[in-house]
Amino acid sequence: MTARAVLVATIVLSVAIALAGCAQAGSNATATKDECFRTMAFIQTEMNLFHADSGIYPPLADVVKQLGSKCPSGGTYSFDEKTGVVSCSIHGAYKP
């Protein structure tokens, strides 16, 4: 299995886990946080897939705009190129 295939499989599994967790959300605050984490999962997936293909990360703002992504609580997203992790200024880091 190639490194890209392992990365894709890991990302797909992470997104599936995030989506499953959202289905169990009981309160609005939890649902809002879960929605933000799903959004971060999609952003992180795009960032890391682009990196796997090209060896560089795309500008975060371009990916956020392309996906039409935003935090439901109004937070801002950041991306750590050293770890490949997306974070929200309100909800914290997305860690699959």
C-alpha atoms as a PDB file:
ATOM      1  CA  MET A   1       0.000   0.000   0.000  1.00  0.00           C
ATOM      2  CA  THR A   2       1.427   3.388  -1.001  1.00  0.00           C
ATOM      3  CA  ALA A   3       1.878   6.254   1.406  1.00  0.00           C
ATOM      4  CA  ARG A   4      -0.905   8.148  -0.397  1.00  0.00           C
ATOM      5  CA  ALA A   5      -3.287   5.189  -0.051  1.00  0.00           C
ATOM      6  CA  VAL A   6      -2.537   4.949   3.676  1.00  0.00           C
ATOM      7  CA  LEU A   7      -3.075   8.701   4.052  1.00  0.00           C
ATOM      8  CA  VAL A   8      -6.382   8.580   2.180  1.00  0.00           C
ATOM      9  CA  ALA A   9      -7.574   5.557   4.188  1.00  0.00           C
ATOM     10  CA  THR A  10      -6.654   7.284   7.457  1.00  0.00           C
ATOM     11  CA  ILE A  11      -8.433  10.475   6.449  1.00  0.00           C
ATOM     12  CA  VAL A  12     -11.563   8.634   5.305  1.00  0.00           C
ATOM     13  CA  LEU A  13     -11.681   6.730   8.592  1.00  0.00           C
ATOM     14  CA  SER A  14     -11.229   9.967  10.555  1.00  0.00           C
ATOM     15  CA  VAL A  15     -14.079  11.656   8.708  1.00  0.00           C
ATOM     16  CA  ALA A  16     -16.317   8.613   9.259  1.00  0.00           C
ATOM     17  CA  ILE A  17     -15.592   8.705  12.996  1.00  0.00           C
ATOM     18  CA  ALA A  18     -16.314  12.444  13.115  1.00  0.00           C
ATOM     19  CA  LEU A  19     -19.613  11.943  11.309  1.00  0.00           C
ATOM     20  CA  ALA A  20     -20.610   9.075  13.606  1.00  0.00           C
ATOM     21  CA  GLY A  21     -19.915  11.256  16.629  1.00  0.00           C
ATOM     22  CA  CYS A  22     -22.164  13.964  15.241  1.00  0.00           C
ATOM     23  CA  ALA A  23     -25.067  11.535  14.982  1.00  0.00           C
ATOM     24  CA  GLN A  24     -24.913  11.124  18.746  1.00  0.00           C
ATOM     25  CA  ALA A  25     -24.872  14.868  19.517  1.00  0.00           C
ATOM     26  CA  GLY A  26     -27.461  15.740  22.127  1.00  0.00           C
ATOM     27  CA  SER A  27     -27.223  19.467  22.689  1.00  0.00           C
ATOM     28  CA  ASN A  28     -26.920  22.459  20.385  1.00  0.00           C
ATOM     29  CA  ALA A  29     -23.470  23.272  21.750  1.00  0.00           C
ATOM     30  CA  THR A  30     -22.287  19.732  21.105  1.00  0.00           C
ATOM     31  CA  ALA A  31     -23.878  19.703  17.651  1.00  0.00           C
ATOM     32  CA  THR A  32     -22.215  23.022  16.796  1.00  0.00           C
ATOM     33  CA  LYS A  33     -18.823  21.778  17.953  1.00  0.00           C
ATOM     34  CA  ASP A  34     -19.306  18.532  16.017  1.00  0.00           C
ATOM     35  CA  GLU A  35     -20.171  20.496  12.889  1.00  0.00           C
ATOM     36  CA  CYS A  36     -16.979  22.520  13.288  1.00  0.00           C
ATOM     37  CA  PHE A  37     -14.930  19.340  13.728  1.00  0.00           C
ATOM     38  CA  ARG A  38     -16.485  17.850  10.566  1.00  0.00           C
ATOM     39  CA  THR A  39     -15.570  21.018   8.701  1.00  0.00           C
ATOM     40  CA  MET A  40     -12.014  20.852  10.038  1.00  0.00           C
ATOM     41  CA  ALA A  41     -11.814  17.193   8.957  1.00  0.00           C
ATOM     42  CA  PHE A  42     -12.735  18.145   5.389  1.00  0.00           C
ATOM     43  CA  ILE A  43     -10.251  21.032   5.347  1.00  0.00           C
ATOM     44  CA  GLN A  44      -7.518  18.835   6.801  1.00  0.00           C
ATOM     45  CA  THR A  45      -8.261  16.152   4.200  1.00  0.00           C
ATOM     46  CA  GLU A  46      -7.957  18.634   1.336  1.00  0.00           C
ATOM     47  CA  MET A  47      -4.761  20.154   2.739  1.00  0.00           C
ATOM     48  CA  ASN A  48      -3.087  16.787   3.239  1.00  0.00           C
ATOM     49  CA  LEU A  49      -4.211  15.319  -0.089  1.00  0.00           C
ATOM     50  CA  PHE A  50      -2.845  18.361  -1.911  1.00  0.00           C
ATOM     51  CA  HIS A  51       0.416  17.955   0.019  1.00  0.00           C
ATOM     52  CA  ALA A  52       0.583  14.239  -0.823  1.00  0.00           C
ATOM     53  CA  ASP A  53       0.223  15.063  -4.531  1.00  0.00           C
ATOM     54  CA  SER A  54       2.476  18.106  -4.773  1.00  0.00           C
ATOM     55  CA  GLY A  55       4.784  18.114  -1.763  1.00  0.00           C
ATOM     56  CA  ILE A  56       3.508  21.525  -0.631  1.00  0.00           C
ATOM     57  CA  TYR A  57       0.443  22.730   1.251  1.00  0.00           C
ATOM     58  CA  PRO A  58      -2.042  25.022  -0.479  1.00  0.00           C
ATOM     59  CA  PRO A  59      -2.973  28.328   1.151  1.00  0.00           C
ATOM     60  CA  LEU A  60      -5.533  27.604   3.888  1.00  0.00           C
ATOM     61  CA  ALA A  61      -7.708  30.514   2.760  1.00  0.00           C
ATOM     62  CA  ASP A  62      -7.983  28.976  -0.728  1.00  0.00           C
ATOM     63  CA  VAL A  63      -9.135  25.624   0.646  1.00  0.00           C
ATOM     64  CA  VAL A  64     -11.630  27.221   3.052  1.00  0.00           C
ATOM     65  CA  LYS A  65     -13.041  29.332   0.198  1.00  0.00           C
ATOM     66  CA  GLN A  66     -13.164  26.361  -2.199  1.00  0.00           C
ATOM     67  CA  LEU A  67     -15.065  24.239   0.306  1.00  0.00           C
ATOM     68  CA  GLY A  68     -17.278  27.119   1.458  1.00  0.00           C
ATOM     69  CA  SER A  69     -16.234  26.191   4.982  1.00  0.00           C
ATOM     70  CA  LYS A  70     -16.808  28.170   8.138  1.00  0.00           C
ATOM     71  CA  CYS A  71     -17.081  27.540  11.832  1.00  0.00           C
ATOM     72  CA  PRO A  72     -20.739  27.677  12.915  1.00  0.00           C
ATOM     73  CA  SER A  73     -19.683  29.643  16.004  1.00  0.00           C
ATOM     74  CA  GLY A  74     -17.703  32.221  14.019  1.00  0.00           C
ATOM     75  CA  GLY A  75     -14.252  30.883  14.824  1.00  0.00           C
ATOM     76  CA  THR A  76     -11.316  31.150  12.456  1.00  0.00           C
ATOM     77  CA  TYR A  77      -9.302  28.231  11.152  1.00  0.00           C
ATOM     78  CA  SER A  78      -5.536  27.811  11.182  1.00  0.00           C
ATOM     79  CA  PHE A  79      -3.277  25.083   9.814  1.00  0.00           C
ATOM     80  CA  ASP A  80       0.003  23.804  11.240  1.00  0.00           C
ATOM     81  CA  GLU A  81       2.244  22.641   8.384  1.00  0.00           C
ATOM     82  CA  LYS A  82       4.524  20.799  10.832  1.00  0.00           C
ATOM     83  CA  THR A  83       1.741  18.526  12.070  1.00  0.00           C
ATOM     84  CA  GLY A  84      -0.807  18.736   9.234  1.00  0.00           C
ATOM     85  CA  VAL A  85      -3.511  19.646  11.767  1.00  0.00           C
ATOM     86  CA  VAL A  86      -6.348  22.165  11.369  1.00  0.00           C
ATOM     87  CA  SER A  87      -7.505  24.138  14.421  1.00  0.00           C
ATOM     88  CA  CYS A  88     -10.421  26.429  15.201  1.00  0.00           C
ATOM     89  CA  SER A  89      -9.960  29.498  17.389  1.00  0.00           C
ATOM     90  CA  ILE A  90     -13.070  28.460  19.369  1.00  0.00           C
ATOM     91  CA  HIS A  91     -13.204  24.654  19.281  1.00  0.00           C
ATOM     92  CA  GLY A  92      -9.510  23.728  19.263  1.00  0.00           C
ATOM     93  CA  ALA A  93      -7.553  21.290  17.106  1.00  0.00           C
ATOM     94  CA  TYR A  94      -9.056  18.524  15.014  1.00  0.00           C
ATOM     95  CA  LYS A  95      -7.286  15.326  16.021  1.00  0.00           C
ATOM     96  CA  PRO A  96      -8.582  12.219  14.232  1.00  0.00           C
END
